[in-house]
C-alpha atoms as a PDB file:
ATOM      1  CA  MET A   1       0.268   0.251   0.128  1.00  0.00           C
ATOM      2  CA  SER A   2       1.532   3.213  -0.986  1.00  0.00           C
ATOM      3  CA  PRO A   3       2.285   5.557   1.401  1.00  0.00           C
ATOM      4  CA  PRO A   4      -0.907   8.646   1.616  1.00  0.00           C
ATOM      5  CA  ALA A   5       0.719  12.059  -0.443  1.00  0.00           C
ATOM      6  CA  ALA A   6       2.286  14.721   1.649  1.00  0.00           C
ATOM      7  CA  PRO A   7      -0.548  18.359   2.407  1.00  0.00           C
ATOM      8  CA  ALA A   8       0.236  20.268  -0.442  1.00  0.00           C
ATOM      9  CA  PRO A   9       1.443  23.733   1.042  1.00  0.00           C
ATOM     10  CA  GLN A  10       0.218  26.227   1.787  1.00  0.00           C
ATOM     11  CA  PRO A  11       0.609  29.180  -0.332  1.00  0.00           C
ATOM     12  CA  VAL A  12       2.650  32.056   0.911  1.00  0.00           C
ATOM     13  CA  LEU A  13       0.510  35.460   0.847  1.00  0.00           C
ATOM     14  CA  PRO A  14       2.128  38.778  -0.171  1.00  0.00           C
ATOM     15  CA  ASP A  15       3.085  40.991   2.289  1.00  0.00           C
ATOM     16  CA  VAL A  16       0.815  44.049   0.334  1.00  0.00           C
ATOM     17  CA  LEU A  17      -1.514  41.010   0.968  1.00  0.00           C
ATOM     18  CA  LEU A  18      -1.353  40.994   4.442  1.00  0.00           C
ATOM     19  CA  GLU A  19      -1.210  44.546   4.879  1.00  0.00           C
ATOM     20  CA  ASP A  20      -4.394  45.076   3.480  1.00  0.00           C
ATOM     21  CA  ILE A  21      -6.531  42.771   5.653  1.00  0.00           C
ATOM     22  CA  PHE A  22      -4.712  43.924   9.515  1.00  0.00           C
ATOM     23  CA  LEU A  23      -5.928  47.945   7.687  1.00  0.00           C
ATOM     24  CA  ARG A  24      -8.647  46.187   8.146  1.00  0.00           C
ATOM     25  CA  LEU A  25      -9.057  45.290  11.879  1.00  0.00           C
ATOM     26  CA  ASP A  26     -10.001  48.275  13.411  1.00  0.00           C
ATOM     27  CA  ALA A  27      -9.461  47.626  17.258  1.00  0.00           C
ATOM     28  CA  LEU A  28      -5.519  48.283  18.847  1.00  0.00           C
ATOM     29  CA  ALA A  29      -6.565  44.228  20.663  1.00  0.00           C
ATOM     30  CA  ASP A  30      -6.910  42.569  17.153  1.00  0.00           C
ATOM     31  CA  LEU A  31      -4.088  43.616  15.662  1.00  0.00           C
ATOM     32  CA  ALA A  32      -2.739  42.648  18.795  1.00  0.00           C
ATOM     33  CA  ARG A  33      -3.599  39.378  18.555  1.00  0.00           C
ATOM     34  CA  ALA A  34      -2.414  38.800  14.701  1.00  0.00           C
ATOM     35  CA  SER A  35       1.025  39.492  15.729  1.00  0.00           C
ATOM     36  CA  ALA A  36       0.774  37.371  18.078  1.00  0.00           C
ATOM     37  CA  ALA A  37       0.154  33.655  15.507  1.00  0.00           C
ATOM     38  CA  CYS A  38       2.986  34.235  13.799  1.00  0.00           C
ATOM     39  CA  THR A  39       6.416  36.086  13.448  1.00  0.00           C
ATOM     40  CA  THR A  40       5.268  36.861   9.099  1.00  0.00           C
ATOM     41  CA  PHE A  41       2.792  38.507  10.703  1.00  0.00           C
ATOM     42  CA  ARG A  42       3.766  40.436  13.775  1.00  0.00           C
ATOM     43  CA  ARG A  43       7.118  41.468  10.817  1.00  0.00           C
ATOM     44  CA  VAL A  44       4.214  43.039   8.834  1.00  0.00           C
ATOM     45  CA  ILE A  45       2.621  44.485  11.896  1.00  0.00           C
ATOM     46  CA  SER A  46       5.370  46.139  13.245  1.00  0.00           C
ATOM     47  CA  GLY A  47       7.406  47.387   9.862  1.00  0.00           C
ATOM     48  CA  ARG A  48       6.992  51.115   9.302  1.00  0.00           C
ATOM     49  CA  ARG A  49       5.352  50.702   6.016  1.00  0.00           C
ATOM     50  CA  PHE A  50       2.291  49.273   7.522  1.00  0.00           C
ATOM     51  CA  ARG A  51       2.311  51.625  10.425  1.00  0.00           C
ATOM     52  CA  SER A  52       2.273  54.905   7.293  1.00  0.00           C
ATOM     53  CA  LEU A  53      -0.495  53.146   5.689  1.00  0.00           C
ATOM     54  CA  ARG A  54      -2.706  52.871   9.223  1.00  0.00           C
ATOM     55  CA  PRO A  55      -4.345  55.656  10.078  1.00  0.00           C
ATOM     56  CA  ALA A  56      -3.025  56.650  13.857  1.00  0.00           C
ATOM     57  CA  PRO A  57      -6.552  56.479  15.935  1.00  0.00           C
ATOM     58  CA  VAL A  58      -7.809  59.730  17.339  1.00  0.00           C
ATOM     59  CA  LEU A  59      -7.519  59.313  21.003  1.00  0.00           C
ATOM     60  CA  GLY A  60      -8.799  63.331  22.161  1.00  0.00           C
ATOM     61  CA  PHE A  61      -8.809  66.294  21.664  1.00  0.00           C
ATOM     62  CA  LEU A  62      -6.533  69.737  23.372  1.00  0.00           C
ATOM     63  CA  GLU A  63      -7.720  72.957  23.636  1.00  0.00           C
ATOM     64  CA  PHE A  64      -6.403  75.693  21.693  1.00  0.00           C
ATOM     65  CA  ASP A  65      -5.106  78.204  24.081  1.00  0.00           C
ATOM     66  CA  ALA A  66      -4.795  75.915  26.598  1.00  0.00           C
ATOM     67  CA  PRO A  67      -2.001  73.927  28.507  1.00  0.00           C
ATOM     68  CA  GLY A  68      -3.683  71.019  30.582  1.00  0.00           C
ATOM     69  CA  ASN A  69      -6.921  70.456  29.045  1.00  0.00           C
ATOM     70  CA  PHE A  70      -6.790  67.484  27.356  1.00  0.00           C
ATOM     71  CA  CYS A  71     -10.154  65.838  26.349  1.00  0.00           C
ATOM     72  CA  PRO A  72     -10.117  62.439  25.564  1.00  0.00           C
ATOM     73  CA  ALA A  73     -12.102  60.215  23.613  1.00  0.00           C
ATOM     74  CA  GLU A  74     -15.061  58.559  25.626  1.00  0.00           C
ATOM     75  CA  PRO A  75     -16.986  55.235  25.750  1.00  0.00           C
ATOM     76  CA  PRO A  76     -18.622  53.743  23.185  1.00  0.00           C
ATOM     77  CA  HIS A  77     -15.637  55.280  21.150  1.00  0.00           C
ATOM     78  CA  ARG A  78     -13.688  52.260  20.399  1.00  0.00           C
ATOM     79  CA  TYR A  79     -10.472  53.628  21.165  1.00  0.00           C
ATOM     80  CA  SER A  80     -11.835  55.221  24.267  1.00  0.00           C
ATOM     81  CA  PRO A  81      -9.091  52.867  26.275  1.00  0.00           C
ATOM     82  CA  ALA A  82      -6.359  53.956  25.107  1.00  0.00           C
ATOM     83  CA  ALA A  83      -7.346  57.575  25.269  1.00  0.00           C
ATOM     84  CA  ARG A  84      -7.620  57.633  29.020  1.00  0.00           C
ATOM     85  CA  GLY A  85      -4.210  55.582  29.091  1.00  0.00           C
ATOM     86  CA  LEU A  86      -2.241  58.428  27.125  1.00  0.00           C
ATOM     87  CA  ALA A  87      -4.224  61.166  29.641  1.00  0.00           C
ATOM     88  CA  GLN A  88      -3.035  58.895  31.990  1.00  0.00           C
ATOM     89  CA  PHE A  89       0.917  58.981  31.312  1.00  0.00           C
ATOM     90  CA  ALA A  90       1.548  61.888  28.995  1.00  0.00           C
ATOM     91  CA  ASP A  91       1.776  65.413  30.572  1.00  0.00           C
ATOM     92  CA  PHE A  92       0.051  67.526  28.694  1.00  0.00           C
ATOM     93  CA  THR A  93      -0.304  70.487  31.478  1.00  0.00           C
ATOM     94  CA  PHE A  94       3.891  70.500  30.030  1.00  0.00           C
ATOM     95  CA  SER A  95       5.124  70.906  33.210  1.00  0.00           C
ATOM     96  CA  PHE A  96       9.147  69.788  31.892  1.00  0.00           C
ATOM     97  CA  LEU A  97       8.071  73.634  29.853  1.00  0.00           C
ATOM     98  CA  PRO A  98      12.195  75.723  30.586  1.00  0.00           C
ATOM     99  CA  GLY A  99      10.629  78.144  33.558  1.00  0.00           C
ATOM    100  CA  GLY A 100       7.704  76.196  33.786  1.00  0.00           C
ATOM    101  CA  PRO A 101       4.403  75.767  31.930  1.00  0.00           C
ATOM    102  CA  ILE A 102       3.243  79.530  32.817  1.00  0.00           C
ATOM    103  CA  GLY A 103       3.277  81.917  30.238  1.00  0.00           C
ATOM    104  CA  TRP A 104       3.527  78.768  27.415  1.00  0.00           C
ATOM    105  CA  HIS A 105      -0.255  78.447  25.231  1.00  0.00           C
ATOM    106  CA  VAL A 106      -1.322  75.514  22.406  1.00  0.00           C
ATOM    107  CA  CYS A 107      -1.230  76.665  19.081  1.00  0.00           C
ATOM    108  CA  ASP A 108      -1.521  73.601  17.137  1.00  0.00           C
ATOM    109  CA  ALA A 109      -1.230  69.342  17.843  1.00  0.00           C
ATOM    110  CA  ARG A 110      -0.129  67.141  15.132  1.00  0.00           C
ATOM    111  CA  ASP A 111       1.856  63.786  14.650  1.00  0.00           C
ATOM    112  CA  GLY A 112       1.742  63.362  18.150  1.00  0.00           C
ATOM    113  CA  ARG A 113       3.586  66.728  18.753  1.00  0.00           C
ATOM    114  CA  VAL A 114       2.217  69.560  20.397  1.00  0.00           C
ATOM    115  CA  LEU A 115       3.760  73.216  19.493  1.00  0.00           C
ATOM    116  CA  LEU A 116       3.384  76.196  21.847  1.00  0.00           C
ATOM    117  CA  TYR A 117       4.166  79.495  21.624  1.00  0.00           C
ATOM    118  CA  ARG A 118       5.014  82.613  25.110  1.00  0.00           C
ATOM    119  CA  SER A 119       4.805  86.096  23.887  1.00  0.00           C
ATOM    120  CA  SER A 120       8.252  88.220  24.786  1.00  0.00           C
ATOM    121  CA  PHE A 121       8.402  92.133  25.232  1.00  0.00           C
ATOM    122  CA  THR A 122      11.414  92.348  23.465  1.00  0.00           C
ATOM    123  CA  ALA A 123      11.136  90.889  20.515  1.00  0.00           C
ATOM    124  CA  TYR A 124       8.394  90.274  17.480  1.00  0.00           C
ATOM    125  CA  PHE A 125       8.860  86.780  17.753  1.00  0.00           C
ATOM    126  CA  VAL A 126       7.226  85.023  20.174  1.00  0.00           C
ATOM    127  CA  ASP A 127       8.854  81.410  21.382  1.00  0.00           C
ATOM    128  CA  LEU A 128       8.450  78.481  20.129  1.00  0.00           C
ATOM    129  CA  VAL A 129       8.822  74.731  21.671  1.00  0.00           C
ATOM    130  CA  VAL A 130       7.592  71.385  19.658  1.00  0.00           C
ATOM    131  CA  CYS A 131       6.532  69.264  22.324  1.00  0.00           C
ATOM    132  CA  ASP A 132       6.341  65.265  22.774  1.00  0.00           C
ATOM    133  CA  PRO A 133       3.752  65.101  25.972  1.00  0.00           C
ATOM    134  CA  LEU A 134       3.828  61.609  26.018  1.00  0.00           C
ATOM    135  CA  HIS A 135       7.858  61.264  26.711  1.00  0.00           C
ATOM    136  CA  ARG A 136       8.098  64.745  28.096  1.00  0.00           C
ATOM    137  CA  ARG A 137      10.438  66.059  25.691  1.00  0.00           C
ATOM    138  CA  TYR A 138      10.692  69.947  23.708  1.00  0.00           C
ATOM    139  CA  VAL A 139      12.520  71.375  20.831  1.00  0.00           C
ATOM    140  CA  GLN A 140      13.119  75.208  21.905  1.00  0.00           C
ATOM    141  CA  LEU A 141      13.276  76.870  18.219  1.00  0.00           C
ATOM    142  CA  ALA A 142      15.816  79.338  17.214  1.00  0.00           C
ATOM    143  CA  PRO A 143      14.477  82.664  16.832  1.00  0.00           C
ATOM    144  CA  ILE A 144      14.208  84.067  13.145  1.00  0.00           C
ATOM    145  CA  HIS A 145      17.397  86.450  12.078  1.00  0.00           C
ATOM    146  CA  ASP A 146      16.157  87.244   8.727  1.00  0.00           C
ATOM    147  CA  CYS A 147      12.872  88.626   9.761  1.00  0.00           C
ATOM    148  CA  ARG A 148      12.283  91.889   7.505  1.00  0.00           C
ATOM    149  CA  ARG A 149       8.581  93.380   9.363  1.00  0.00           C
ATOM    150  CA  GLY A 150       7.855  96.785   8.114  1.00  0.00           C
ATOM    151  CA  SER A 151      10.510  96.523   5.782  1.00  0.00           C
ATOM    152  CA  MET A 152       7.885  95.202   3.173  1.00  0.00           C
ATOM    153  CA  GLY A 153       6.394  98.197   2.563  1.00  0.00           C
ATOM    154  CA  GLU A 154       3.284  97.285   2.993  1.00  0.00           C
ATOM    155  CA  LEU A 155       1.101  96.064   6.121  1.00  0.00           C
ATOM    156  CA  ALA A 156       0.390  92.868   7.081  1.00  0.00           C
ATOM    157  CA  PHE A 157      -3.021  91.808   7.344  1.00  0.00           C
ATOM    158  CA  GLU A 158      -2.445  89.429  10.622  1.00  0.00           C
ATOM    159  CA  ASP A 159       0.004  88.660  13.014  1.00  0.00           C
ATOM    160  CA  PHE A 160       2.489  85.340  12.463  1.00  0.00           C
ATOM    161  CA  ASP A 161      -0.109  82.305  12.232  1.00  0.00           C
ATOM    162  CA  THR A 162       1.711  78.929  13.135  1.00  0.00           C
ATOM    163  CA  PHE A 163       1.261  75.719  12.863  1.00  0.00           C
ATOM    164  CA  LEU A 164       3.209  72.282  12.653  1.00  0.00           C
ATOM    165  CA  ASP A 165       3.580  70.930   9.188  1.00  0.00           C
ATOM    166  CA  PRO A 166       2.101  67.286   8.737  1.00  0.00           C
ATOM    167  CA  ALA A 167       4.789  64.168   8.586  1.00  0.00           C
ATOM    168  CA  THR A 168       4.887  63.322   5.181  1.00  0.00           C
ATOM    169  CA  GLU A 169       5.482  59.431   4.231  1.00  0.00           C
ATOM    170  CA  ARG A 170       8.572  59.683   3.914  1.00  0.00           C
ATOM    171  CA  ASP A 171       9.149  61.379   7.098  1.00  0.00           C
ATOM    172  CA  LYS A 172       7.086  58.710   8.851  1.00  0.00           C
ATOM    173  CA  GLU A 173       9.841  56.144   7.865  1.00  0.00           C
ATOM    174  CA  GLU A 174      12.697  58.051   9.490  1.00  0.00           C
ATOM    175  CA  GLN A 175      13.270  55.888  13.296  1.00  0.00           C
ATOM    176  CA  ASP A 176      12.996  59.427  14.723  1.00  0.00           C
ATOM    177  CA  LEU A 177      10.177  61.169  13.283  1.00  0.00           C
ATOM    178  CA  PRO A 178      11.140  64.867  12.270  1.00  0.00           C
ATOM    179  CA  PHE A 179       8.903  67.777  12.248  1.00  0.00           C
ATOM    180  CA  ARG A 180       8.589  71.318  10.561  1.00  0.00           C
ATOM    181  CA  VAL A 181       6.874  74.338  11.927  1.00  0.00           C
ATOM    182  CA  ILE A 182       5.740  76.584   9.311  1.00  0.00           C
ATOM    183  CA  CYS A 183       5.547  80.632  10.523  1.00  0.00           C
ATOM    184  CA  ALA A 184       2.905  82.126   7.535  1.00  0.00           C
ATOM    185  CA  GLU A 185       1.989  86.234   7.061  1.00  0.00           C
ATOM    186  CA  HIS A 186      -0.232  87.591   5.017  1.00  0.00           C
ATOM    187  CA  TYR A 187       0.371  90.885   2.132  1.00  0.00           C
ATOM    188  CA  GLN A 188      -1.813  92.490   0.565  1.00  0.00           C
ATOM    189  CA  ARG A 189       0.620  91.401  -2.528  1.00  0.00           C
ATOM    190  CA  LYS A 190       2.513  88.543  -1.003  1.00  0.00           C
ATOM    191  CA  LEU A 191       2.025  85.424   1.307  1.00  0.00           C
ATOM    192  CA  VAL A 192       5.518  85.390   3.133  1.00  0.00           C
ATOM    193  CA  THR A 193       6.589  82.156   4.838  1.00  0.00           C
ATOM    194  CA  TYR A 194       9.186  80.733   7.546  1.00  0.00           C
ATOM    195  CA  ARG A 195      10.205  77.124   8.008  1.00  0.00           C
ATOM    196  CA  PHE A 196      11.545  75.831  10.586  1.00  0.00           C
ATOM    197  CA  SER A 197      12.980  71.991   9.663  1.00  0.00           C
ATOM    198  CA  SER A 198      13.961  70.113  12.621  1.00  0.00           C
ATOM    199  CA  VAL A 199      16.695  68.588  10.512  1.00  0.00           C
ATOM    200  CA  THR A 200      18.809  71.360  10.074  1.00  0.00           C
ATOM    201  CA  ARG A 201      17.149  73.312  13.254  1.00  0.00           C
ATOM    202  CA  LYS A 202      17.211  76.030  10.683  1.00  0.00           C
ATOM    203  CA  TRP A 203      14.638  78.525   9.290  1.00  0.00           C
ATOM    204  CA  CYS A 204      14.222  79.166   5.574  1.00  0.00           C
ATOM    205  CA  ARG A 205      12.662  82.416   3.763  1.00  0.00           C
ATOM    206  CA  ASN A 206      10.277  81.694   1.063  1.00  0.00           C
ATOM    207  CA  THR A 207       7.774  84.646  -0.593  1.00  0.00           C
ATOM    208  CA  PHE A 208       5.121  83.942  -3.003  1.00  0.00           C
ATOM    209  CA  SER A 209       3.858  86.855  -5.182  1.00  0.00           C
ATOM    210  CA  ARG A 210       0.006  87.073  -5.386  1.00  0.00           C
ATOM    211  CA  SER A 211      -1.259  87.383  -9.019  1.00  0.00           C
ATOM    212  CA  THR A 212      -4.832  89.233  -7.292  1.00  0.00           C
ATOM    213  CA  PRO A 213      -4.145  92.263  -4.757  1.00  0.00           C
ATOM    214  CA  LEU A 214      -6.307  91.222  -1.488  1.00  0.00           C
ATOM    215  CA  ASP A 215      -8.846  93.242  -0.691  1.00  0.00           C
ATOM    216  CA  PRO A 216      -7.672  95.986   1.234  1.00  0.00           C
ATOM    217  CA  THR A 217     -10.732  95.653   3.171  1.00  0.00           C
ATOM    218  CA  THR A 218      -9.778  92.300   4.251  1.00  0.00           C
ATOM    219  CA  ALA A 219      -7.471  93.983   6.474  1.00  0.00           C
ATOM    220  CA  ARG A 220     -10.945  94.783   9.128  1.00  0.00           C
ATOM    221  CA  PHE A 221     -11.614  91.139   9.275  1.00  0.00           C
ATOM    222  CA  CYS A 222      -8.014  89.463  10.643  1.00  0.00           C
ATOM    223  CA  PRO A 223     -10.244  87.219  12.737  1.00  0.00           C
ATOM    224  CA  TRP A 224     -11.189  85.526   8.974  1.00  0.00           C
ATOM    225  CA  PHE A 225      -8.264  84.071   8.201  1.00  0.00           C
ATOM    226  CA  GLU A 226      -9.148  80.326   8.826  1.00  0.00           C
ATOM    227  CA  ARG A 227      -7.052  77.839   8.151  1.00  0.00           C
ATOM    228  CA  GLN A 228      -7.276  74.139   7.037  1.00  0.00           C
ATOM    229  CA  TYR A 229      -5.473  71.542   6.123  1.00  0.00           C
ATOM    230  CA  VAL A 230      -6.626  69.465   2.709  1.00  0.00           C
ATOM    231  CA  HIS A 231      -4.729  66.833   0.221  1.00  0.00           C
ATOM    232  CA  SER A 232      -1.178  67.997   1.151  1.00  0.00           C
ATOM    233  CA  CYS A 233      -2.672  71.554   1.151  1.00  0.00           C
ATOM    234  CA  PHE A 234      -2.791  74.257   3.779  1.00  0.00           C
ATOM    235  CA  TYR A 235      -6.169  76.620   2.459  1.00  0.00           C
ATOM    236  CA  TRP A 236      -6.873  79.926   4.278  1.00  0.00           C
ATOM    237  CA  VAL A 237     -10.304  81.410   3.873  1.00  0.00           C
ATOM    238  CA  LEU A 238      -9.762  85.297   3.069  1.00  0.00           C
ATOM    239  CA  LEU A 239     -12.636  87.454   3.094  1.00  0.00           C
ATOM    240  CA  GLY A 240     -13.329  91.127   2.222  1.00  0.00           C
ATOM    241  CA  ILE A 241     -16.593  93.460   1.501  1.00  0.00           C
ATOM    242  CA  GLY A 242     -18.354  91.611  -1.627  1.00  0.00           C
ATOM    243  CA  MET A 243     -16.116  89.126  -2.425  1.00  0.00           C
ATOM    244  CA  GLY A 244     -13.282  86.214  -1.509  1.00  0.00           C
ATOM    245  CA  SER A 245     -11.087  84.261  -1.667  1.00  0.00           C
ATOM    246  CA  LEU A 246      -8.674  81.075  -1.234  1.00  0.00           C
ATOM    247  CA  ASP A 247      -4.953  80.748  -0.605  1.00  0.00           C
ATOM    248  CA  ILE A 248      -3.727  77.372  -0.702  1.00  0.00           C
ATOM    249  CA  LEU A 249       0.165  76.675   0.074  1.00  0.00           C
ATOM    250  CA  ASP A 250       1.547  72.813  -0.987  1.00  0.00           C
ATOM    251  CA  THR A 251       4.352  72.832   1.660  1.00  0.00           C
ATOM    252  CA  HIS A 252       5.701  69.658  -0.674  1.00  0.00           C
ATOM    253  CA  GLU A 253       6.780  71.478  -3.488  1.00  0.00           C
ATOM    254  CA  MET A 254       6.548  75.216  -1.386  1.00  0.00           C
ATOM    255  CA  LYS A 255       4.281  76.309  -4.570  1.00  0.00           C
ATOM    256  CA  PHE A 256       1.080  79.309  -3.857  1.00  0.00           C
ATOM    257  CA  TYR A 257      -1.987  79.730  -5.689  1.00  0.00           C
ATOM    258  CA  VAL A 258      -4.576  81.501  -5.853  1.00  0.00           C
ATOM    259  CA  LEU A 259      -8.120  80.603  -6.172  1.00  0.00           C
ATOM    260  CA  ASP A 260     -10.170  84.520  -6.904  1.00  0.00           C
ATOM    261  CA  GLN A 261     -13.547  83.678  -6.953  1.00  0.00           C
ATOM    262  CA  LEU A 262     -15.282  81.360  -4.042  1.00  0.00           C
ATOM    263  CA  PRO A 263     -18.645  79.755  -4.591  1.00  0.00           C
ATOM    264  CA  GLY A 264     -21.664  80.416  -2.599  1.00  0.00           C
ATOM    265  CA  GLU A 265     -23.013  83.138  -1.041  1.00  0.00           C
ATOM    266  CA  ASN A 266     -23.084  85.443   1.975  1.00  0.00           C
ATOM    267  CA  ALA A 267     -20.095  82.219   3.033  1.00  0.00           C
ATOM    268  CA  GLY A 268     -18.442  83.564   6.270  1.00  0.00           C
ATOM    269  CA  PRO A 269     -15.310  81.585   6.755  1.00  0.00           C
ATOM    270  CA  GLN A 270     -16.986  79.928   9.346  1.00  0.00           C
ATOM    271  CA  ALA A 271     -19.702  78.776   7.137  1.00  0.00           C
ATOM    272  CA  LEU A 272     -17.085  77.862   4.445  1.00  0.00           C
ATOM    273  CA  GLY A 273     -15.758  73.971   5.047  1.00  0.00           C
ATOM    274  CA  ILE A 274     -12.981  72.049   2.767  1.00  0.00           C
ATOM    275  CA  VAL A 275     -12.419  68.874   2.308  1.00  0.00           C
ATOM    276  CA  GLU A 276     -11.025  65.726   0.607  1.00  0.00           C
ATOM    277  CA  THR A 277     -12.951  63.714  -2.216  1.00  0.00           C
ATOM    278  CA  GLY A 278     -12.086  61.348  -4.391  1.00  0.00           C
ATOM    279  CA  GLY A 279     -10.264  61.238  -7.511  1.00  0.00           C
ATOM    280  CA  GLY A 280      -7.820  64.417  -5.615  1.00  0.00           C
ATOM    281  CA  ARG A 281     -10.446  66.146  -6.187  1.00  0.00           C
ATOM    282  CA  LEU A 282     -11.227  70.058  -3.590  1.00  0.00           C
ATOM    283  CA  GLY A 283     -14.307  69.879  -1.789  1.00  0.00           C
ATOM    284  CA  ILE A 284     -16.003  73.011  -0.869  1.00  0.00           C
ATOM    285  CA  VAL A 285     -18.584  72.951   1.585  1.00  0.00           C
ATOM    286  CA  ASN A 286     -20.717  75.440   2.149  1.00  0.00           C
ATOM    287  CA  ALA A 287     -23.135  76.303   5.128  1.00  0.00           C
ATOM    288  CA  ALA A 288     -25.045  79.300   5.410  1.00  0.00           C
ATOM    289  CA  ASP A 289     -28.979  81.270   5.594  1.00  0.00           C
ATOM    290  CA  ASP A 290     -30.029  77.650   5.904  1.00  0.00           C
ATOM    291  CA  ILE A 291     -29.131  75.907   2.969  1.00  0.00           C
ATOM    292  CA  LEU A 292     -25.952  73.002   2.603  1.00  0.00           C
ATOM    293  CA  GLU A 293     -23.902  73.739  -0.606  1.00  0.00           C
ATOM    294  CA  PHE A 294     -21.435  71.513  -1.660  1.00  0.00           C
ATOM    295  CA  TYR A 295     -19.162  72.621  -4.829  1.00  0.00           C
ATOM    296  CA  SER A 296     -15.530  70.409  -6.130  1.00  0.00           C
ATOM    297  CA  LYS A 297     -12.683  71.185  -7.814  1.00  0.00           C
ATOM    298  CA  GLN A 298      -9.707  69.393  -9.473  1.00  0.00           C
ATOM    299  CA  SER A 299      -6.945  70.281  -7.288  1.00  0.00           C
END
């Protein structure tokens, strides 16, 4: 009697297919169990590529301009246990900052880091620090030495808009995630940006000319300079009397564009939302006068 045939070898799933399967697991506990199942699963899940593909979960909100006010996600949110753990172990009072937390204000948070500023009575530029509240680390940014404010020949429409530049896919492959900070100033005929890199520890200045000068009445509405981030670009809604425009800054290519005519009527900055749509298209949602309108434009 002939011996039984050997079982056929199991097909080996390619890593890209395993990544697609694991990306469909919502719960972190499910990912942990899959990682413990075999060395192949653990290698894929712990790899930098998979971590860059999987969006980071929303664990809560950090109140603007108020250190210490972290609002963690609550049940039935599926990440509420992780949010409670973050609130317990991270220092959102920023007690580790130089000189203590008094006088520091939150102005942005992204990629696990928080950007804070402290006003100075002796210099125009404020003190800036980028913090990691979980590991209680910070980097104090160097001052901007080539400031030309006052020599531009025109008045800036607002103070510096300071924010974190989101990490790129290439950044996420680095062992120590780098960061960038951007300070932007809006002028009637130009946009001036200062960009800080944690790699070079230096600021880089860029000046972009406007195809159409801003309406001078826009200066009366400084709080209306609303910044939003979509498709690797920052957008500012700028409104004057009877008109509006959209400033677009592509931080990957460091290019500047202006959309002169905003869709919709009677739209204020709080009523306009810039959203991502399919196919790389830019979407604008206008909610005004009890009417919801949606517009899309090829980006």
